[in-house]
Amino acid sequence: RFAAASADGFDAVEYLFPYAYDATG
């Protein structure tokens, strides 16, 4: 979804929770 948002011209993202994923990734 990061790539898709960037492709549509967004410069920033938010979401509910990151904890299912490694922070470095």
mmCIF file of all heavy atoms, coordinates in Angstrom:
data_MODEL
# 
_entry.id   MODEL 
# 
loop_
_atom_site.group_PDB 
_atom_site.id 
_atom_site.type_symbol 
_atom_site.label_atom_id 
_atom_site.label_alt_id 
_atom_site.label_comp_id 
_atom_site.label_asym_id 
_atom_site.label_entity_id 
_atom_site.label_seq_id 
_atom_site.pdbx_PDB_ins_code 
_atom_site.Cartn_x 
_atom_site.Cartn_y 
_atom_site.Cartn_z 
_atom_site.occupancy 
_atom_site.B_iso_or_equiv 
_atom_site.pdbx_formal_charge 
_atom_site.auth_seq_id 
_atom_site.auth_comp_id 
_atom_site.auth_asym_id 
_atom_site.auth_atom_id 
_atom_site.pdbx_PDB_model_num 
ATOM 1   N N   . ARG A 1 1  ? 0.823  -1.212 0.000  1.00 0.00 ? 1  ARG A N   1 
ATOM 2   C CA  . ARG A 1 1  ? 0.000  0.000  0.000  1.00 0.00 ? 1  ARG A CA  1 
ATOM 3   C C   . ARG A 1 1  ? 0.857  1.263  0.000  1.00 0.00 ? 1  ARG A C   1 
ATOM 4   O O   . ARG A 1 1  ? 0.407  2.313  -0.450 1.00 0.00 ? 1  ARG A O   1 
ATOM 5   C CB  . ARG A 1 1  ? -0.955 -0.013 1.196  1.00 0.00 ? 1  ARG A CB  1 
ATOM 6   C CG  . ARG A 1 1  ? -1.965 -1.157 1.120  1.00 0.00 ? 1  ARG A CG  1 
ATOM 7   C CD  . ARG A 1 1  ? -2.838 -1.255 2.357  1.00 0.00 ? 1  ARG A CD  1 
ATOM 8   N NE  . ARG A 1 1  ? -3.522 -2.548 2.392  1.00 0.00 ? 1  ARG A NE  1 
ATOM 9   C CZ  . ARG A 1 1  ? -4.275 -2.986 3.386  1.00 0.00 ? 1  ARG A CZ  1 
ATOM 10  N NH1 . ARG A 1 1  ? -4.448 -2.228 4.462  1.00 0.00 ? 1  ARG A NH1 1 
ATOM 11  N NH2 . ARG A 1 1  ? -4.847 -4.176 3.328  1.00 0.00 ? 1  ARG A NH2 1 
ATOM 12  N N   . PHE A 1 2  ? 2.075  1.182  0.506  1.00 0.00 ? 2  PHE A N   1 
ATOM 13  C CA  . PHE A 1 2  ? 2.958  2.342  0.521  1.00 0.00 ? 2  PHE A CA  1 
ATOM 14  C C   . PHE A 1 2  ? 3.251  2.796  -0.917 1.00 0.00 ? 2  PHE A C   1 
ATOM 15  O O   . PHE A 1 2  ? 3.174  3.987  -1.228 1.00 0.00 ? 2  PHE A O   1 
ATOM 16  C CB  . PHE A 1 2  ? 4.260  2.012  1.248  1.00 0.00 ? 2  PHE A CB  1 
ATOM 17  C CG  . PHE A 1 2  ? 4.079  1.708  2.713  1.00 0.00 ? 2  PHE A CG  1 
ATOM 18  C CD1 . PHE A 1 2  ? 3.713  0.439  3.140  1.00 0.00 ? 2  PHE A CD1 1 
ATOM 19  C CD2 . PHE A 1 2  ? 4.286  2.692  3.666  1.00 0.00 ? 2  PHE A CD2 1 
ATOM 20  C CE1 . PHE A 1 2  ? 3.544  0.155  4.485  1.00 0.00 ? 2  PHE A CE1 1 
ATOM 21  C CE2 . PHE A 1 2  ? 4.132  2.428  5.013  1.00 0.00 ? 2  PHE A CE2 1 
ATOM 22  C CZ  . PHE A 1 2  ? 3.751  1.153  5.424  1.00 0.00 ? 2  PHE A CZ  1 
ATOM 23  N N   . ALA A 1 3  ? 3.583  1.839  -1.765 1.00 0.00 ? 3  ALA A N   1 
ATOM 24  C CA  . ALA A 1 3  ? 3.875  2.167  -3.154 1.00 0.00 ? 3  ALA A CA  1 
ATOM 25  C C   . ALA A 1 3  ? 2.648  2.740  -3.845 1.00 0.00 ? 3  ALA A C   1 
ATOM 26  O O   . ALA A 1 3  ? 2.741  3.703  -4.615 1.00 0.00 ? 3  ALA A O   1 
ATOM 27  C CB  . ALA A 1 3  ? 4.373  0.931  -3.893 1.00 0.00 ? 3  ALA A CB  1 
ATOM 28  N N   . ALA A 1 4  ? 1.475  2.176  -3.566 1.00 0.00 ? 4  ALA A N   1 
ATOM 29  C CA  . ALA A 1 4  ? 0.250  2.650  -4.206 1.00 0.00 ? 4  ALA A CA  1 
ATOM 30  C C   . ALA A 1 4  ? -0.067 4.080  -3.790 1.00 0.00 ? 4  ALA A C   1 
ATOM 31  O O   . ALA A 1 4  ? -0.459 4.914  -4.615 1.00 0.00 ? 4  ALA A O   1 
ATOM 32  C CB  . ALA A 1 4  ? -0.903 1.715  -3.852 1.00 0.00 ? 4  ALA A CB  1 
ATOM 33  N N   . ALA A 1 5  ? 0.114  4.382  -2.511 1.00 0.00 ? 5  ALA A N   1 
ATOM 34  C CA  . ALA A 1 5  ? -0.151 5.745  -2.033 1.00 0.00 ? 5  ALA A CA  1 
ATOM 35  C C   . ALA A 1 5  ? 0.817  6.742  -2.657 1.00 0.00 ? 5  ALA A C   1 
ATOM 36  O O   . ALA A 1 5  ? 0.425  7.832  -3.079 1.00 0.00 ? 5  ALA A O   1 
ATOM 37  C CB  . ALA A 1 5  ? -0.062 5.791  -0.516 1.00 0.00 ? 5  ALA A CB  1 
ATOM 38  N N   . SER A 1 6  ? 2.076  6.359  -2.730 1.00 0.00 ? 6  SER A N   1 
ATOM 39  C CA  . SER A 1 6  ? 3.067  7.240  -3.335 1.00 0.00 ? 6  SER A CA  1 
ATOM 40  C C   . SER A 1 6  ? 2.757  7.492  -4.806 1.00 0.00 ? 6  SER A C   1 
ATOM 41  O O   . SER A 1 6  ? 2.874  8.620  -5.299 1.00 0.00 ? 6  SER A O   1 
ATOM 42  C CB  . SER A 1 6  ? 4.461  6.639  -3.180 1.00 0.00 ? 6  SER A CB  1 
ATOM 43  O OG  . SER A 1 6  ? 5.434  7.435  -3.804 1.00 0.00 ? 6  SER A OG  1 
ATOM 44  N N   . ALA A 1 7  ? 2.337  6.444  -5.507 1.00 0.00 ? 7  ALA A N   1 
ATOM 45  C CA  . ALA A 1 7  ? 2.030  6.580  -6.930 1.00 0.00 ? 7  ALA A CA  1 
ATOM 46  C C   . ALA A 1 7  ? 0.873  7.543  -7.168 1.00 0.00 ? 7  ALA A C   1 
ATOM 47  O O   . ALA A 1 7  ? 0.794  8.177  -8.229 1.00 0.00 ? 7  ALA A O   1 
ATOM 48  C CB  . ALA A 1 7  ? 1.712  5.210  -7.525 1.00 0.00 ? 7  ALA A CB  1 
ATOM 49  N N   . ASP A 1 8  ? -0.016 7.673  -6.183 1.00 0.00 ? 8  ASP A N   1 
ATOM 50  C CA  . ASP A 1 8  ? -1.151 8.588  -6.317 1.00 0.00 ? 8  ASP A CA  1 
ATOM 51  C C   . ASP A 1 8  ? -0.834 9.993  -5.805 1.00 0.00 ? 8  ASP A C   1 
ATOM 52  O O   . ASP A 1 8  ? -1.724 10.828 -5.712 1.00 0.00 ? 8  ASP A O   1 
ATOM 53  C CB  . ASP A 1 8  ? -2.360 8.028  -5.564 1.00 0.00 ? 8  ASP A CB  1 
ATOM 54  C CG  . ASP A 1 8  ? -3.079 6.950  -6.359 1.00 0.00 ? 8  ASP A CG  1 
ATOM 55  O OD1 . ASP A 1 8  ? -2.979 6.964  -7.600 1.00 0.00 ? 8  ASP A OD1 1 
ATOM 56  O OD2 . ASP A 1 8  ? -3.742 6.091  -5.740 1.00 0.00 ? 8  ASP A OD2 1 
ATOM 57  N N   . GLY A 1 9  ? 0.424  10.240 -5.462 1.00 0.00 ? 9  GLY A N   1 
ATOM 58  C CA  . GLY A 1 9  ? 0.828  11.591 -5.104 1.00 0.00 ? 9  GLY A CA  1 
ATOM 59  C C   . GLY A 1 9  ? 0.804  11.916 -3.631 1.00 0.00 ? 9  GLY A C   1 
ATOM 60  O O   . GLY A 1 9  ? 1.014  13.079 -3.253 1.00 0.00 ? 9  GLY A O   1 
ATOM 61  N N   . PHE A 1 10 ? 0.557  10.932 -2.772 1.00 0.00 ? 10 PHE A N   1 
ATOM 62  C CA  . PHE A 1 10 ? 0.608  11.189 -1.340 1.00 0.00 ? 10 PHE A CA  1 
ATOM 63  C C   . PHE A 1 10 ? 2.058  11.277 -0.879 1.00 0.00 ? 10 PHE A C   1 
ATOM 64  O O   . PHE A 1 10 ? 2.919  10.523 -1.324 1.00 0.00 ? 10 PHE A O   1 
ATOM 65  C CB  . PHE A 1 10 ? -0.110 10.083 -0.559 1.00 0.00 ? 10 PHE A CB  1 
ATOM 66  C CG  . PHE A 1 10 ? -1.604 10.150 -0.632 1.00 0.00 ? 10 PHE A CG  1 
ATOM 67  C CD1 . PHE A 1 10 ? -2.314 9.303  -1.481 1.00 0.00 ? 10 PHE A CD1 1 
ATOM 68  C CD2 . PHE A 1 10 ? -2.306 11.063 0.147  1.00 0.00 ? 10 PHE A CD2 1 
ATOM 69  C CE1 . PHE A 1 10 ? -3.694 9.366  -1.542 1.00 0.00 ? 10 PHE A CE1 1 
ATOM 70  C CE2 . PHE A 1 10 ? -3.696 11.131 0.084  1.00 0.00 ? 10 PHE A CE2 1 
ATOM 71  C CZ  . PHE A 1 10 ? -4.387 10.284 -0.762 1.00 0.00 ? 10 PHE A CZ  1 
ATOM 72  N N   . ASP A 1 11 ? 2.299  12.197 0.038  1.00 0.00 ? 11 ASP A N   1 
ATOM 73  C CA  . ASP A 1 11 ? 3.631  12.363 0.634  1.00 0.00 ? 11 ASP A CA  1 
ATOM 74  C C   . ASP A 1 11 ? 3.724  11.744 2.013  1.00 0.00 ? 11 ASP A C   1 
ATOM 75  O O   . ASP A 1 11 ? 4.827  11.658 2.579  1.00 0.00 ? 11 ASP A O   1 
ATOM 76  C CB  . ASP A 1 11 ? 3.974  13.852 0.757  1.00 0.00 ? 11 ASP A CB  1 
ATOM 77  C CG  . ASP A 1 11 ? 4.024  14.552 -0.595 1.00 0.00 ? 11 ASP A CG  1 
ATOM 78  O OD1 . ASP A 1 11 ? 4.577  13.961 -1.542 1.00 0.00 ? 11 ASP A OD1 1 
ATOM 79  O OD2 . ASP A 1 11 ? 3.500  15.678 -0.695 1.00 0.00 ? 11 ASP A OD2 1 
ATOM 80  N N   . ALA A 1 12 ? 2.581  11.344 2.583  1.00 0.00 ? 12 ALA A N   1 
ATOM 81  C CA  . ALA A 1 12 ? 2.571  10.849 3.956  1.00 0.00 ? 12 ALA A CA  1 
ATOM 82  C C   . ALA A 1 12 ? 1.505  9.779  4.109  1.00 0.00 ? 12 ALA A C   1 
ATOM 83  O O   . ALA A 1 12 ? 0.539  9.714  3.335  1.00 0.00 ? 12 ALA A O   1 
ATOM 84  C CB  . ALA A 1 12 ? 2.311  11.998 4.930  1.00 0.00 ? 12 ALA A CB  1 
ATOM 85  N N   . VAL A 1 13 ? 1.689  8.960  5.135  1.00 0.00 ? 13 VAL A N   1 
ATOM 86  C CA  . VAL A 1 13 ? 0.727  7.900  5.441  1.00 0.00 ? 13 VAL A CA  1 
ATOM 87  C C   . VAL A 1 13 ? 0.475  7.854  6.940  1.00 0.00 ? 13 VAL A C   1 
ATOM 88  O O   . VAL A 1 13 ? 1.291  8.311  7.753  1.00 0.00 ? 13 VAL A O   1 
ATOM 89  C CB  . VAL A 1 13 ? 1.210  6.514  4.953  1.00 0.00 ? 13 VAL A CB  1 
ATOM 90  C CG1 . VAL A 1 13 ? 1.346  6.496  3.441  1.00 0.00 ? 13 VAL A CG1 1 
ATOM 91  C CG2 . VAL A 1 13 ? 2.517  6.100  5.625  1.00 0.00 ? 13 VAL A CG2 1 
ATOM 92  N N   . GLU A 1 14 ? -0.669 7.294  7.287  1.00 0.00 ? 14 GLU A N   1 
ATOM 93  C CA  . GLU A 1 14 ? -1.017 6.929  8.646  1.00 0.00 ? 14 GLU A CA  1 
ATOM 94  C C   . GLU A 1 14 ? -1.693 5.569  8.577  1.00 0.00 ? 14 GLU A C   1 
ATOM 95  O O   . GLU A 1 14 ? -2.053 5.100  7.498  1.00 0.00 ? 14 GLU A O   1 
ATOM 96  C CB  . GLU A 1 14 ? -1.969 7.972  9.257  1.00 0.00 ? 14 GLU A CB  1 
ATOM 97  C CG  . GLU A 1 14 ? -3.299 8.078  8.507  1.00 0.00 ? 14 GLU A CG  1 
ATOM 98  C CD  . GLU A 1 14 ? -4.285 9.039  9.151  1.00 0.00 ? 14 GLU A CD  1 
ATOM 99  O OE1 . GLU A 1 14 ? -3.841 10.074 9.657  1.00 0.00 ? 14 GLU A OE1 1 
ATOM 100 O OE2 . GLU A 1 14 ? -5.499 8.737  9.118  1.00 0.00 ? 14 GLU A OE2 1 
ATOM 101 N N   . TYR A 1 15 ? -1.855 4.925  9.703  1.00 0.00 ? 15 TYR A N   1 
ATOM 102 C CA  . TYR A 1 15 ? -2.629 3.683  9.772  1.00 0.00 ? 15 TYR A CA  1 
ATOM 103 C C   . TYR A 1 15 ? -2.894 3.392  11.234 1.00 0.00 ? 15 TYR A C   1 
ATOM 104 O O   . TYR A 1 15 ? -2.398 4.099  12.129 1.00 0.00 ? 15 TYR A O   1 
ATOM 105 C CB  . TYR A 1 15 ? -1.910 2.503  9.090  1.00 0.00 ? 15 TYR A CB  1 
ATOM 106 C CG  . TYR A 1 15 ? -0.424 2.411  9.326  1.00 0.00 ? 15 TYR A CG  1 
ATOM 107 C CD1 . TYR A 1 15 ? 0.089  2.043  10.556 1.00 0.00 ? 15 TYR A CD1 1 
ATOM 108 C CD2 . TYR A 1 15 ? 0.476  2.678  8.295  1.00 0.00 ? 15 TYR A CD2 1 
ATOM 109 C CE1 . TYR A 1 15 ? 1.457  1.953  10.761 1.00 0.00 ? 15 TYR A CE1 1 
ATOM 110 C CE2 . TYR A 1 15 ? 1.839  2.596  8.489  1.00 0.00 ? 15 TYR A CE2 1 
ATOM 111 C CZ  . TYR A 1 15 ? 2.322  2.222  9.737  1.00 0.00 ? 15 TYR A CZ  1 
ATOM 112 O OH  . TYR A 1 15 ? 3.680  2.137  9.937  1.00 0.00 ? 15 TYR A OH  1 
ATOM 113 N N   . LEU A 1 16 ? -3.690 2.355  11.498 1.00 0.00 ? 16 LEU A N   1 
ATOM 114 C CA  . LEU A 1 16 ? -4.051 2.064  12.882 1.00 0.00 ? 16 LEU A CA  1 
ATOM 115 C C   . LEU A 1 16 ? -2.852 1.546  13.678 1.00 0.00 ? 16 LEU A C   1 
ATOM 116 O O   . LEU A 1 16 ? -2.441 2.157  14.650 1.00 0.00 ? 16 LEU A O   1 
ATOM 117 C CB  . LEU A 1 16 ? -5.200 1.056  12.926 1.00 0.00 ? 16 LEU A CB  1 
ATOM 118 C CG  . LEU A 1 16 ? -6.563 1.557  12.430 1.00 0.00 ? 16 LEU A CG  1 
ATOM 119 C CD1 . LEU A 1 16 ? -7.602 0.455  12.528 1.00 0.00 ? 16 LEU A CD1 1 
ATOM 120 C CD2 . LEU A 1 16 ? -7.012 2.790  13.195 1.00 0.00 ? 16 LEU A CD2 1 
ATOM 121 N N   . PHE A 1 17 ? -2.306 0.399  13.266 1.00 0.00 ? 17 PHE A N   1 
ATOM 122 C CA  . PHE A 1 17 ? -1.303 -0.262 14.092 1.00 0.00 ? 17 PHE A CA  1 
ATOM 123 C C   . PHE A 1 17 ? -0.174 -0.824 13.236 1.00 0.00 ? 17 PHE A C   1 
ATOM 124 O O   . PHE A 1 17 ? -0.432 -1.456 12.202 1.00 0.00 ? 17 PHE A O   1 
ATOM 125 C CB  . PHE A 1 17 ? -1.937 -1.417 14.876 1.00 0.00 ? 17 PHE A CB  1 
ATOM 126 C CG  . PHE A 1 17 ? -3.178 -1.021 15.612 1.00 0.00 ? 17 PHE A CG  1 
ATOM 127 C CD1 . PHE A 1 17 ? -4.422 -1.496 15.205 1.00 0.00 ? 17 PHE A CD1 1 
ATOM 128 C CD2 . PHE A 1 17 ? -3.124 -0.160 16.694 1.00 0.00 ? 17 PHE A CD2 1 
ATOM 129 C CE1 . PHE A 1 17 ? -5.577 -1.130 15.873 1.00 0.00 ? 17 PHE A CE1 1 
ATOM 130 C CE2 . PHE A 1 17 ? -4.275 0.225  17.364 1.00 0.00 ? 17 PHE A CE2 1 
ATOM 131 C CZ  . PHE A 1 17 ? -5.507 -0.260 16.958 1.00 0.00 ? 17 PHE A CZ  1 
ATOM 132 N N   . PRO A 1 18 ? 1.067  -0.658 13.657 1.00 0.00 ? 18 PRO A N   1 
ATOM 133 C CA  . PRO A 1 18 ? 2.205  -1.208 12.916 1.00 0.00 ? 18 PRO A CA  1 
ATOM 134 C C   . PRO A 1 18 ? 2.733  -2.525 13.471 1.00 0.00 ? 18 PRO A C   1 
ATOM 135 O O   . PRO A 1 18 ? 3.675  -3.094 12.911 1.00 0.00 ? 18 PRO A O   1 
ATOM 136 C CB  . PRO A 1 18 ? 3.269  -0.120 13.107 1.00 0.00 ? 18 PRO A CB  1 
ATOM 137 C CG  . PRO A 1 18 ? 3.012  0.381  14.488 1.00 0.00 ? 18 PRO A CG  1 
ATOM 138 C CD  . PRO A 1 18 ? 1.517  0.312  14.680 1.00 0.00 ? 18 PRO A CD  1 
ATOM 139 N N   . TYR A 1 19 ? 2.148  -3.030 14.566 1.00 0.00 ? 19 TYR A N   1 
ATOM 140 C CA  . TYR A 1 19 ? 2.864  -4.002 15.394 1.00 0.00 ? 19 TYR A CA  1 
ATOM 141 C C   . TYR A 1 19 ? 2.949  -5.409 14.800 1.00 0.00 ? 19 TYR A C   1 
ATOM 142 O O   . TYR A 1 19 ? 3.725  -6.225 15.292 1.00 0.00 ? 19 TYR A O   1 
ATOM 143 C CB  . TYR A 1 19 ? 2.231  -4.030 16.795 1.00 0.00 ? 19 TYR A CB  1 
ATOM 144 C CG  . TYR A 1 19 ? 2.102  -2.643 17.351 1.00 0.00 ? 19 TYR A CG  1 
ATOM 145 C CD1 . TYR A 1 19 ? 0.847  -2.024 17.447 1.00 0.00 ? 19 TYR A CD1 1 
ATOM 146 C CD2 . TYR A 1 19 ? 3.226  -1.900 17.701 1.00 0.00 ? 19 TYR A CD2 1 
ATOM 147 C CE1 . TYR A 1 19 ? 0.723  -0.727 17.904 1.00 0.00 ? 19 TYR A CE1 1 
ATOM 148 C CE2 . TYR A 1 19 ? 3.115  -0.601 18.163 1.00 0.00 ? 19 TYR A CE2 1 
ATOM 149 C CZ  . TYR A 1 19 ? 1.859  -0.023 18.260 1.00 0.00 ? 19 TYR A CZ  1 
ATOM 150 O OH  . TYR A 1 19 ? 1.742  1.266  18.711 1.00 0.00 ? 19 TYR A OH  1 
ATOM 151 N N   . ALA A 1 20 ? 2.190  -5.677 13.753 1.00 0.00 ? 20 ALA A N   1 
ATOM 152 C CA  . ALA A 1 20 ? 2.312  -6.979 13.084 1.00 0.00 ? 20 ALA A CA  1 
ATOM 153 C C   . ALA A 1 20 ? 3.528  -7.027 12.163 1.00 0.00 ? 20 ALA A C   1 
ATOM 154 O O   . ALA A 1 20 ? 3.840  -8.087 11.612 1.00 0.00 ? 20 ALA A O   1 
ATOM 155 C CB  . ALA A 1 20 ? 1.046  -7.279 12.287 1.00 0.00 ? 20 ALA A CB  1 
ATOM 156 N N   . TYR A 1 21 ? 4.218  -5.899 12.021 1.00 0.00 ? 21 TYR A N   1 
ATOM 157 C CA  . TYR A 1 21 ? 5.340  -5.801 11.087 1.00 0.00 ? 21 TYR A CA  1 
ATOM 158 C C   . TYR A 1 21 ? 6.574  -5.284 11.808 1.00 0.00 ? 21 TYR A C   1 
ATOM 159 O O   . TYR A 1 21 ? 6.477  -4.528 12.784 1.00 0.00 ? 21 TYR A O   1 
ATOM 160 C CB  . TYR A 1 21 ? 4.987  -4.863 9.920  1.00 0.00 ? 21 TYR A CB  1 
ATOM 161 C CG  . TYR A 1 21 ? 3.813  -5.343 9.113  1.00 0.00 ? 21 TYR A CG  1 
ATOM 162 C CD1 . TYR A 1 21 ? 2.507  -4.952 9.453  1.00 0.00 ? 21 TYR A CD1 1 
ATOM 163 C CD2 . TYR A 1 21 ? 3.977  -6.216 8.051  1.00 0.00 ? 21 TYR A CD2 1 
ATOM 164 C CE1 . TYR A 1 21 ? 1.415  -5.405 8.741  1.00 0.00 ? 21 TYR A CE1 1 
ATOM 165 C CE2 . TYR A 1 21 ? 2.888  -6.679 7.328  1.00 0.00 ? 21 TYR A CE2 1 
ATOM 166 C CZ  . TYR A 1 21 ? 1.619  -6.276 7.675  1.00 0.00 ? 21 TYR A CZ  1 
ATOM 167 O OH  . TYR A 1 21 ? 0.536  -6.736 6.971  1.00 0.00 ? 21 TYR A OH  1 
ATOM 168 N N   . ASP A 1 22 ? 7.716  -5.664 11.317 1.00 0.00 ? 22 ASP A N   1 
ATOM 169 C CA  . ASP A 1 22 ? 8.981  -5.175 11.851 1.00 0.00 ? 22 ASP A CA  1 
ATOM 170 C C   . ASP A 1 22 ? 9.122  -3.684 11.537 1.00 0.00 ? 22 ASP A C   1 
ATOM 171 O O   . ASP A 1 22 ? 8.897  -3.257 10.400 1.00 0.00 ? 22 ASP A O   1 
ATOM 172 C CB  . ASP A 1 22 ? 10.129 -5.969 11.228 1.00 0.00 ? 22 ASP A CB  1 
ATOM 173 C CG  . ASP A 1 22 ? 11.484 -5.435 11.639 1.00 0.00 ? 22 ASP A CG  1 
ATOM 174 O OD1 . ASP A 1 22 ? 11.864 -5.629 12.798 1.00 0.00 ? 22 ASP A OD1 1 
ATOM 175 O OD2 . ASP A 1 22 ? 12.143 -4.806 10.786 1.00 0.00 ? 22 ASP A OD2 1 
ATOM 176 N N   . ALA A 1 23 ? 9.498  -2.906 12.545 1.00 0.00 ? 23 ALA A N   1 
ATOM 177 C CA  . ALA A 1 23 ? 9.587  -1.459 12.358 1.00 0.00 ? 23 ALA A CA  1 
ATOM 178 C C   . ALA A 1 23 ? 10.619 -1.079 11.303 1.00 0.00 ? 23 ALA A C   1 
ATOM 179 O O   . ALA A 1 23 ? 10.402 -0.153 10.515 1.00 0.00 ? 23 ALA A O   1 
ATOM 180 C CB  . ALA A 1 23 ? 9.914  -0.783 13.688 1.00 0.00 ? 23 ALA A CB  1 
ATOM 181 N N   . THR A 1 24 ? 11.723 -1.795 11.268 1.00 0.00 ? 24 THR A N   1 
ATOM 182 C CA  . THR A 1 24 ? 12.760 -1.481 10.284 1.00 0.00 ? 24 THR A CA  1 
ATOM 183 C C   . THR A 1 24 ? 12.258 -1.729 8.864  1.00 0.00 ? 24 THR A C   1 
ATOM 184 O O   . THR A 1 24 ? 12.548 -0.956 7.944  1.00 0.00 ? 24 THR A O   1 
ATOM 185 C CB  . THR A 1 24 ? 14.017 -2.305 10.557 1.00 0.00 ? 24 THR A CB  1 
ATOM 186 O OG1 . THR A 1 24 ? 14.471 -2.041 11.896 1.00 0.00 ? 24 THR A OG1 1 
ATOM 187 C CG2 . THR A 1 24 ? 15.122 -1.966 9.586  1.00 0.00 ? 24 THR A CG2 1 
ATOM 188 N N   . GLY A 1 25 ? 11.484 -2.805 8.693  1.00 0.00 ? 25 GLY A N   1 
ATOM 189 C CA  . GLY A 1 25 ? 10.920 -3.082 7.379  1.00 0.00 ? 25 GLY A CA  1 
ATOM 190 C C   . GLY A 1 25 ? 9.944  -2.009 6.940  1.00 0.00 ? 25 GLY A C   1 
ATOM 191 O O   . GLY A 1 25 ? 9.929  -1.596 5.775  1.00 0.00 ? 25 GLY A O   1 
# 
